[in-house]
C-alpha cells in the first residue's frame, strides 16, 4: 500500500534512507541518497520526480517503490512491492506508473494512490500493452484489457496459449509463442486482426519488434527476418540477414529510415545494411513497458556500447561511426545504456565509476563535464535538471546538467 503523497513524506525512516544535500553548480552533485541497510536497483524519471525501486533491507527482502523529489531527493511516497527488479515499468501520458511485474497496481505517480477499480493478478501473470490508456493482462487462461482511467474491463478472450511479451504498434497487439502462429489483436476492441501463416515449415519466432508507425518485425529460429504490416498482417519482405544473430539477446526496433536488430536492415526489403559487435541489450538498449527494448538515439545518432568501454555514435542509416567517447576505455565495463536528456541532444553515459555528460553534434560526441561515482554505476536516467545514477546499488546521486 502506498504511503504519503503531495508534500515530502513525513513517515520516512531517517535511519534507513538518508539524503545529503549538495550544490546547484553545473555538473555538481545536487543531492546524494544512501539506502542504508537496503538496496536500489532501478531508476525512472517522471514529471513528478524520480521513481526508484529497491529493498527496504537486504535481510527482509521486502521491496519498495518510491517517488523522490527531483530537487531535494526527499521521499514523497512509498509502496511495498516485490523485491524482484522490475522489468516492465513506465509512465503513461496520464501520469500513471505501470509496474505490474513487481506487484504494483497502476499508480498515480504524483500521489502514490493506486487505482482501486483495477483488479490485478499475480505479478508474473501480468503485462502491459501501452495502447493509449489500455492495459492488457495475461491471466492463466484468459487475455483481458482494462481501461487505466476508469478500471472498466473492456474485453476478454479465452486463451490456451502461453503468449510471450507482446509488441505494440498503435492499437495493434502482436502475440507470439514457440508453438503457435503469430496472432495480432486490437488492443482496444479485443478482436483478432490477423494470424500470420508465412513462416517456413517447422520455423518459429524467437524475437518480435515494433517498427512504428505501421509495421512489425519478426525474427525466426532459422534466421529469417519478416517485415509485416501491423493492421493487415501482409508481409512486405522476408530475408535471411547475412549476420550472426544471438538468439534470446536480440531486439528489433526502428530509428529514422532504418530498422535495427543490433544491425541495420531495410524496412522495405529486410536487406542487411550494416552490422557491428555489441555488448548486449541490457547495456545498449533501454527497456520499456511490455519487455520491449528500444535503441538509444540522440541528435539523430545511435549510441552504442561496442565492447562495454567504447561508446560510439553511429549513423543508423549506414552504421558508420560519427565519433566515440574515449574517456571510458580504461574505467570498467558499462552496465546500463546511456540516458538522453529531454532536449534530445544531451547524453549521459557511465562505465565503471566514470560518468560523463556529452553533447551530440554533426561531428559526433563532445564532452561537457565528468563525474566519478562512489561505486560502479548500475542504472542511469535523466530529466531537465540533469542526471541520476545508481552507484553500487547502495547510493543514488543526482547531478546537475
Protein backbone atom coordinates (compact mmCIF):
# COMPACT_ATOMS: atom_id res chain seq x y z
CA UNK A 1 0.00 0.00 0.00
CA UNK A 2 1.29 3.46 -0.87
CA UNK A 3 2.05 5.94 1.85
CA UNK A 4 2.35 9.69 1.77
CA UNK A 5 1.78 11.95 -1.22
CA UNK A 6 1.76 15.63 -2.11
CA UNK A 7 4.49 17.14 0.05
CA UNK A 8 7.55 15.29 1.34
CA UNK A 9 6.62 12.09 3.19
CA UNK A 10 6.86 12.64 6.97
CA UNK A 11 6.88 8.88 7.62
CA UNK A 12 10.28 8.25 6.06
CA UNK A 13 12.59 6.36 8.41
CA UNK A 14 15.64 8.62 8.86
CA UNK A 15 17.81 5.67 9.87
CA UNK A 16 17.08 3.60 6.75
CA UNK A 17 17.41 6.02 3.82
CA UNK A 18 19.41 9.22 4.21
CA UNK A 19 19.58 12.20 1.86
CA UNK A 20 22.51 14.64 1.85
CA UNK A 21 22.25 17.96 0.05
CA UNK A 22 24.73 19.32 -2.47
CA UNK A 23 25.05 22.45 -4.62
CA UNK A 24 23.35 23.96 -7.66
CA UNK A 25 26.56 24.41 -9.68
CA UNK A 26 26.58 22.89 -13.19
CA UNK A 27 27.99 19.36 -13.13
CA UNK A 28 27.90 19.25 -9.30
CA UNK A 29 26.04 16.74 -7.13
CA UNK A 30 22.63 18.20 -6.22
CA UNK A 31 21.87 15.51 -3.62
CA UNK A 32 23.01 12.06 -2.60
CA UNK A 33 20.77 9.25 -1.30
CA UNK A 34 22.09 6.37 0.81
CA UNK A 35 19.97 3.23 1.03
CA UNK A 36 21.34 2.31 4.44
CA UNK A 37 20.69 -1.39 5.01
CA UNK A 38 18.62 -1.51 1.83
CA UNK A 39 19.41 -1.53 -1.87
CA UNK A 40 18.50 0.43 -5.01
CA UNK A 41 18.25 -1.46 -8.28
CA UNK A 42 16.20 0.61 -10.75
CA UNK A 43 15.54 4.29 -11.55
CA UNK A 44 12.85 6.02 -13.61
CA UNK A 45 12.44 9.76 -14.23
CA UNK A 46 8.89 11.13 -14.38
CA UNK A 47 7.35 14.64 -14.47
CA UNK A 48 6.52 14.19 -10.76
CA UNK A 49 10.08 13.28 -9.73
CA UNK A 50 12.46 10.32 -9.58
CA UNK A 51 10.89 6.88 -9.09
CA UNK A 52 13.18 4.21 -7.69
CA UNK A 53 12.81 0.56 -6.76
CA UNK A 54 14.86 -1.32 -4.22
CA UNK A 55 14.83 -3.24 -0.97
CA UNK A 56 13.98 -1.67 2.38
CA UNK A 57 16.50 -4.04 3.97
CA UNK A 58 18.58 -6.77 2.39
CA UNK A 59 17.72 -9.19 5.21
CA UNK A 60 13.93 -8.81 4.88
CA UNK A 61 13.75 -8.92 1.07
CA UNK A 62 10.78 -6.50 1.13
CA UNK A 63 10.65 -4.37 -2.00
CA UNK A 64 9.97 -0.65 -2.02
CA UNK A 65 8.91 1.60 -4.88
CA UNK A 66 9.35 5.28 -4.05
CA UNK A 67 8.93 8.74 -5.54
CA UNK A 68 11.73 11.19 -4.72
CA UNK A 69 11.59 14.95 -5.31
CA UNK A 70 13.98 15.80 -8.15
CA UNK A 71 15.23 19.00 -6.50
CA UNK A 72 15.97 17.67 -2.99
CA UNK A 73 15.75 13.86 -3.05
CA UNK A 74 13.16 13.82 -0.26
CA UNK A 75 10.65 10.98 -0.38
CA UNK A 76 7.07 11.87 -1.35
CA UNK A 77 5.56 8.39 -1.16
CA UNK A 78 6.49 4.74 -0.92
CA UNK A 79 4.70 1.48 -1.76
CA UNK A 80 5.58 -2.02 -0.62
CA UNK A 81 6.23 -4.25 -3.65
CA UNK A 82 8.06 -7.40 -4.64
CA UNK A 83 11.81 -7.40 -4.07
CA UNK A 84 12.41 -8.51 -7.66
CA UNK A 85 13.97 -5.98 -10.02
CA UNK A 86 11.20 -4.50 -12.24
CA UNK A 87 11.49 -5.47 -15.89
CA UNK A 88 8.35 -3.76 -17.12
CA UNK A 89 7.65 -0.28 -15.88
CA UNK A 90 6.96 3.12 -17.30
CA UNK A 91 4.60 6.08 -17.06
CA UNK A 92 1.58 6.72 -19.28
CA UNK A 93 0.71 10.11 -20.73
CA UNK A 94 -1.82 10.48 -17.92
CA UNK A 95 0.88 10.11 -15.25
CA UNK A 96 0.14 6.53 -14.21
CA UNK A 97 3.07 4.38 -13.10
CA UNK A 98 2.89 0.84 -14.51
CA UNK A 99 4.95 -1.76 -12.66
CA UNK A 100 2.81 -4.88 -12.55
CA UNK A 101 5.68 -7.36 -12.66
CA UNK A 102 6.64 -6.32 -9.09
CA UNK A 103 3.03 -6.39 -7.89
CA UNK A 104 2.28 -2.66 -8.04
CA UNK A 105 -1.15 -1.80 -9.43
CA UNK A 106 -1.39 1.24 -11.79
CA UNK A 107 -0.44 4.15 -9.54
CA UNK A 108 -0.81 7.92 -9.83
CA UNK A 109 2.85 8.93 -9.95
CA UNK A 110 2.34 12.29 -8.25
CA UNK A 111 0.45 10.96 -5.19
CA UNK A 112 1.21 7.24 -4.94
CA UNK A 113 -2.51 6.40 -4.98
CA UNK A 114 -3.39 3.17 -6.80
CA UNK A 115 -6.45 2.78 -8.98
CA UNK A 116 -8.87 0.86 -6.75
CA UNK A 117 -11.07 -0.45 -9.55
CA UNK A 118 -8.30 -2.26 -11.45
CA UNK A 119 -8.17 -5.91 -10.39
CA UNK A 120 -4.63 -7.19 -10.94
CA UNK A 121 -3.50 -10.84 -10.97
CA UNK A 122 -0.25 -12.29 -9.64
CA UNK A 123 2.76 -10.20 -10.76
CA UNK A 124 4.22 -12.91 -13.01
CA UNK A 125 0.93 -13.19 -14.92
CA UNK A 126 0.63 -9.51 -15.79
CA UNK A 127 2.00 -7.40 -18.60
CA UNK A 128 1.06 -4.21 -20.33
CA UNK A 129 0.27 -3.10 -23.84
CA UNK A 130 0.63 0.69 -23.75
CA UNK A 131 -2.07 1.45 -26.33
CA UNK A 132 -3.06 4.85 -25.01
CA UNK A 133 -4.78 4.18 -21.67
CA UNK A 134 -5.45 0.46 -22.20
CA UNK A 135 -3.76 -2.19 -20.04
CA UNK A 136 -3.71 -5.75 -21.38
CA UNK A 137 -3.34 -8.51 -18.76
CA UNK A 138 -2.47 -12.17 -19.28
CA UNK A 139 -4.08 -14.44 -16.73
CA UNK A 140 -3.68 -18.24 -16.76
CA UNK A 141 -6.47 -18.93 -19.25
CA UNK A 142 -7.69 -15.52 -20.33
CA UNK A 143 -6.41 -12.39 -22.05
CA UNK A 144 -8.22 -9.23 -20.98
CA UNK A 145 -7.98 -5.45 -21.28
CA UNK A 146 -8.77 -2.81 -18.68
CA UNK A 147 -9.14 0.94 -19.01
CA UNK A 148 -6.44 2.64 -16.94
CA UNK A 149 -8.62 5.72 -16.46
CA UNK A 150 -11.83 4.02 -15.23
CA UNK A 151 -10.79 0.48 -14.25
CA UNK A 152 -13.53 -0.90 -16.51
CA UNK A 153 -12.86 -4.20 -18.23
CA UNK A 154 -13.01 -3.54 -21.97
CA UNK A 155 -12.79 -7.10 -23.29
CA UNK A 156 -11.61 -10.61 -22.51
CA UNK A 157 -10.59 -13.57 -24.66
CA UNK A 158 -10.16 -17.18 -23.60
CA UNK A 159 -6.67 -18.46 -24.36
CA UNK A 160 -4.90 -21.79 -24.35
CA UNK A 161 -1.56 -20.37 -25.49
CA UNK A 162 1.13 -19.05 -23.14
CA UNK A 163 1.76 -15.89 -25.15
CA UNK A 164 5.12 -14.17 -24.73
CA UNK A 165 5.61 -10.44 -24.18
CA UNK A 166 3.71 -8.51 -26.84
CA UNK A 167 4.83 -5.95 -29.39
CA UNK A 168 2.56 -2.96 -29.94
CA UNK A 169 2.16 -0.61 -32.90
CA UNK A 170 -0.66 1.85 -32.26
CA UNK A 171 -3.58 -0.33 -31.16
CA UNK A 172 -2.25 -3.47 -32.87
CA UNK A 173 -1.04 -6.03 -30.30
CA UNK A 174 1.14 -8.82 -31.72
CA UNK A 175 1.33 -12.05 -29.68
CA UNK A 176 3.82 -14.85 -30.33
CA UNK A 177 4.54 -18.28 -28.89
CA UNK A 178 7.00 -21.06 -29.67
CA UNK A 179 4.27 -23.42 -30.84
CA UNK A 180 1.52 -21.11 -32.16
CA UNK A 181 1.22 -18.90 -35.20
CA UNK A 182 1.80 -15.17 -34.51
CA UNK A 183 -1.58 -13.57 -33.82
CA UNK A 184 -2.48 -9.87 -33.79
CA UNK A 185 -5.44 -8.43 -31.89
CA UNK A 186 -6.86 -4.93 -31.49
CA UNK A 187 -5.79 -3.77 -28.02
CA UNK A 188 -8.87 -1.57 -27.62
CA UNK A 189 -11.53 -3.89 -29.02
CA UNK A 190 -10.06 -7.37 -28.45
CA UNK A 191 -10.94 -8.61 -31.92
CA UNK A 192 -8.43 -10.68 -33.87
CA UNK A 193 -6.92 -8.70 -36.73
CA UNK A 194 -4.88 -11.46 -38.37
CA UNK A 195 -2.88 -14.67 -37.94
CA UNK A 196 0.49 -14.89 -39.68
CA UNK A 197 0.86 -18.03 -41.82
CA UNK A 198 4.01 -17.15 -43.79
CA UNK A 199 6.62 -18.86 -41.58
CA UNK A 200 8.55 -21.73 -43.12
CA UNK A 201 7.82 -25.35 -42.26
CA UNK A 202 8.85 -26.01 -38.65
CA UNK A 203 10.11 -22.45 -38.13
CA UNK A 204 9.20 -20.44 -35.01
CA UNK A 205 9.51 -16.81 -33.89
CA UNK A 206 12.38 -16.03 -31.49
CA UNK A 207 12.12 -12.22 -31.41
CA UNK A 208 9.48 -9.68 -32.35
CA UNK A 209 9.67 -5.90 -32.54
CA UNK A 210 7.59 -2.83 -33.27
CA UNK A 211 8.54 -0.66 -36.25
CA UNK A 212 6.19 2.30 -35.79
CA UNK A 213 4.10 3.75 -37.21
CA UNK A 214 2.83 0.81 -39.25
CA UNK A 215 4.94 -2.40 -39.18
CA UNK A 216 6.18 -5.32 -37.09
CA UNK A 217 9.41 -7.28 -37.48
CA UNK A 218 9.72 -10.98 -36.69
CA UNK A 219 12.96 -12.93 -36.42
CA UNK A 220 12.70 -16.71 -36.63
CA UNK A 221 14.68 -19.65 -35.29
CA UNK A 222 16.01 -20.36 -38.80
CA UNK A 223 17.31 -16.80 -39.13
CA UNK A 224 14.59 -15.33 -41.37
CA UNK A 225 13.58 -11.70 -40.86
CA UNK A 226 9.94 -10.92 -41.75
CA UNK A 227 8.53 -7.39 -42.11
CA UNK A 228 4.73 -7.31 -41.67
CA UNK A 229 2.06 -4.61 -41.96
CA UNK A 230 0.66 -4.00 -38.45
CA UNK A 231 -3.06 -3.77 -39.23
CA UNK A 232 -3.37 -6.18 -42.15
CA UNK A 233 -0.68 -8.78 -41.45
CA UNK A 234 0.53 -8.57 -45.06
CA UNK A 235 4.19 -9.49 -45.46
CA UNK A 236 6.21 -6.74 -47.11
CA UNK A 237 9.59 -8.52 -47.01
CA UNK A 238 11.30 -11.71 -45.83
CA UNK A 239 15.04 -12.31 -45.91
CA UNK A 240 17.81 -14.16 -44.07
CA UNK A 241 20.24 -11.45 -42.80
CA UNK A 242 23.85 -12.27 -43.53
CA UNK A 243 24.98 -11.72 -39.95
CA UNK A 244 25.36 -13.88 -36.88
CA UNK A 245 22.41 -13.17 -34.58
CA UNK A 246 22.38 -14.05 -30.89
CA UNK A 247 19.13 -15.86 -30.12
CA UNK A 248 17.50 -14.58 -26.94
CA UNK A 249 19.63 -11.42 -26.94
CA UNK A 250 18.07 -9.69 -29.91
CA UNK A 251 15.71 -6.74 -30.17
CA UNK A 252 14.05 -5.29 -33.21
CA UNK A 253 13.29 -1.60 -33.49
CA UNK A 254 13.30 1.36 -35.83
CA UNK A 255 15.10 4.67 -35.93
CA UNK A 256 14.59 7.10 -38.77
CA UNK A 257 14.61 5.25 -42.09
CA UNK A 258 16.37 2.14 -40.83
CA UNK A 259 15.38 -0.88 -38.81
CA UNK A 260 17.64 -2.09 -36.01
CA UNK A 261 18.48 -5.64 -34.96
CA UNK A 262 21.78 -4.75 -33.30
CA UNK A 263 22.40 -4.38 -37.01
CA UNK A 264 20.65 -2.20 -39.59
CA UNK A 265 18.17 -3.57 -42.11
CA UNK A 266 15.97 -2.12 -44.85
CA UNK A 267 12.37 -1.55 -43.84
CA UNK A 268 11.06 -2.34 -47.31
CA UNK A 269 13.20 -5.34 -48.25
CA UNK A 270 14.75 -6.65 -44.96
CA UNK A 271 18.18 -6.26 -46.63
CA UNK A 272 21.13 -6.11 -44.23
CA UNK A 273 22.65 -2.61 -44.34
CA UNK A 274 25.32 -2.82 -41.65
CA UNK A 275 26.48 -4.93 -38.75
CA UNK A 276 28.60 -4.16 -35.68
CA UNK A 277 29.62 -6.01 -32.48
CA UNK A 278 27.55 -5.10 -29.43
CA UNK A 279 27.83 -5.51 -25.68
CA UNK A 280 24.22 -6.75 -25.43
CA UNK A 281 20.70 -5.48 -24.98
CA UNK A 282 20.69 -4.63 -21.27
CA UNK A 283 23.66 -2.30 -21.60
CA UNK A 284 22.91 -0.94 -25.09
CA UNK A 285 19.14 -0.51 -25.38
CA UNK A 286 16.61 0.98 -22.96
CA UNK A 287 13.87 -1.26 -21.60
CA UNK A 288 10.25 -0.14 -21.98
CA UNK A 289 6.93 -1.46 -20.58
CA UNK A 290 5.98 -4.84 -22.02
CA UNK A 291 9.55 -6.18 -22.02
CA UNK A 292 10.47 -4.18 -25.13
CA UNK A 293 14.00 -2.83 -25.71
CA UNK A 294 14.47 0.36 -27.73
CA UNK A 295 17.71 1.84 -29.08
CA UNK A 296 19.27 4.96 -27.57
CA UNK A 297 19.18 7.75 -30.16
CA UNK A 298 20.29 11.35 -29.62
CA UNK A 299 20.73 14.05 -32.20
CA UNK A 300 19.86 11.53 -34.92
CA UNK A 301 22.76 9.25 -33.90
CA UNK A 302 22.57 5.74 -32.48
CA UNK A 303 24.59 5.47 -29.24
CA UNK A 304 26.21 2.08 -28.98
CA UNK A 305 28.46 0.37 -26.41
CA UNK A 306 30.72 -1.58 -28.74
CA UNK A 307 32.58 -3.55 -26.07
CA UNK A 308 31.42 -2.06 -22.77
CA UNK A 309 34.16 0.58 -22.76
CA UNK A 310 33.83 2.36 -26.09
CA UNK A 311 30.71 4.50 -26.58
CA UNK A 312 30.23 5.01 -30.31
CA UNK A 313 27.86 7.34 -32.15
CA UNK A 314 26.63 5.63 -35.31
CA UNK A 315 24.67 6.84 -38.29
CA UNK A 316 21.67 4.45 -38.11
CA UNK A 317 21.23 4.60 -41.89
CA UNK A 318 24.72 3.35 -42.71
CA UNK A 319 26.27 2.04 -39.48
CA UNK A 320 29.24 4.36 -39.96
CA UNK A 321 30.88 5.83 -36.88
CA UNK A 322 30.38 9.55 -36.30
CA UNK A 323 32.70 9.66 -33.30
CA UNK A 324 33.33 7.94 -30.00
CA UNK A 325 33.79 8.84 -26.34
CA UNK A 326 37.27 7.70 -25.33
CA UNK A 327 37.12 8.63 -21.65
CA UNK A 328 35.54 5.27 -20.71
CA UNK A 329 38.12 2.97 -22.28
CA UNK A 330 40.07 2.34 -19.05
CA UNK A 331 37.33 2.77 -16.44
CA UNK A 332 35.43 -0.52 -16.34
CA UNK A 333 32.52 -2.10 -18.19
CA UNK A 334 29.21 -0.34 -18.84
CA UNK A 335 26.26 -1.99 -17.09
CA UNK A 336 23.43 0.24 -18.37
CA UNK A 337 22.51 2.16 -21.53
CA UNK A 338 23.18 5.90 -21.89
CA UNK A 339 20.40 8.27 -20.83
CA UNK A 340 19.18 11.03 -23.15
CA UNK A 341 18.03 14.38 -21.76
CA UNK A 342 14.65 15.82 -22.85
CA UNK A 343 16.42 18.18 -25.28
CA UNK A 344 17.23 15.12 -27.41
CA UNK A 345 20.89 16.06 -27.85
CA UNK A 346 22.47 15.82 -24.38
CA UNK A 347 23.60 12.34 -23.36
CA UNK A 348 24.75 10.94 -20.01
CA UNK A 349 26.80 7.74 -20.00
CA UNK A 350 28.66 5.66 -17.43
CA UNK A 351 31.14 2.78 -17.45
CA UNK A 352 32.50 1.55 -14.16
CA UNK A 353 32.64 4.58 -11.87
CA UNK A 354 33.25 7.07 -14.69
CA UNK A 355 30.28 9.25 -15.71
CA UNK A 356 30.22 11.88 -18.45
CA UNK A 357 27.80 14.41 -19.89
CA UNK A 358 28.12 14.53 -23.67
CA UNK A 359 26.64 16.63 -26.44
CA UNK A 360 25.79 15.16 -29.84
CA UNK A 361 26.74 17.32 -32.80
CA UNK A 362 27.17 16.86 -36.53
CA UNK A 363 30.76 15.82 -35.78
CA UNK A 364 29.88 13.25 -33.11
CA UNK A 365 30.22 13.49 -29.31
CA UNK A 366 31.59 16.44 -27.30
CA UNK A 367 32.21 16.20 -23.55
CA UNK A 368 30.66 18.87 -21.30
CA UNK A 369 31.56 17.55 -17.83
CA UNK A 370 32.59 14.38 -16.00
CA UNK A 371 31.93 12.91 -12.58
CA UNK A 372 33.31 9.90 -10.66
CA UNK A 373 30.62 7.87 -8.92
CA UNK A 374 31.30 6.31 -5.49
CA UNK A 375 30.87 2.81 -6.99
CA UNK A 376 30.28 1.25 -10.43
CA UNK A 377 27.06 2.61 -11.98
CA UNK A 378 24.27 0.05 -12.45
CA UNK A 379 21.39 2.34 -13.52
CA UNK A 380 21.20 5.74 -15.19
CA UNK A 381 18.38 8.12 -16.10
CA UNK A 382 17.95 11.83 -16.89
CA UNK A 383 15.49 14.75 -16.86
CA UNK A 384 15.59 18.51 -17.45
CA UNK A 385 17.61 19.07 -14.25
CA UNK A 386 20.42 16.67 -15.12
CA UNK A 387 21.06 13.01 -14.49
CA UNK A 388 20.72 10.36 -11.80
CA UNK A 389 22.98 7.36 -11.25
CA UNK A 390 22.66 4.32 -9.03
CA UNK A 391 26.15 3.52 -7.74
CA UNK A 392 26.86 0.07 -6.35
CA UNK A 393 23.14 -0.43 -5.60
CA UNK A 394 23.65 1.44 -2.32
CA UNK A 395 23.77 5.11 -3.39
CA UNK A 396 21.89 7.38 -5.79
CA UNK A 397 23.49 10.64 -6.89
CA UNK A 398 21.60 13.47 -8.59
CA UNK A 399 23.94 15.58 -10.75
CA UNK A 400 23.12 18.95 -12.28
CA UNK A 401 23.14 19.16 -16.07
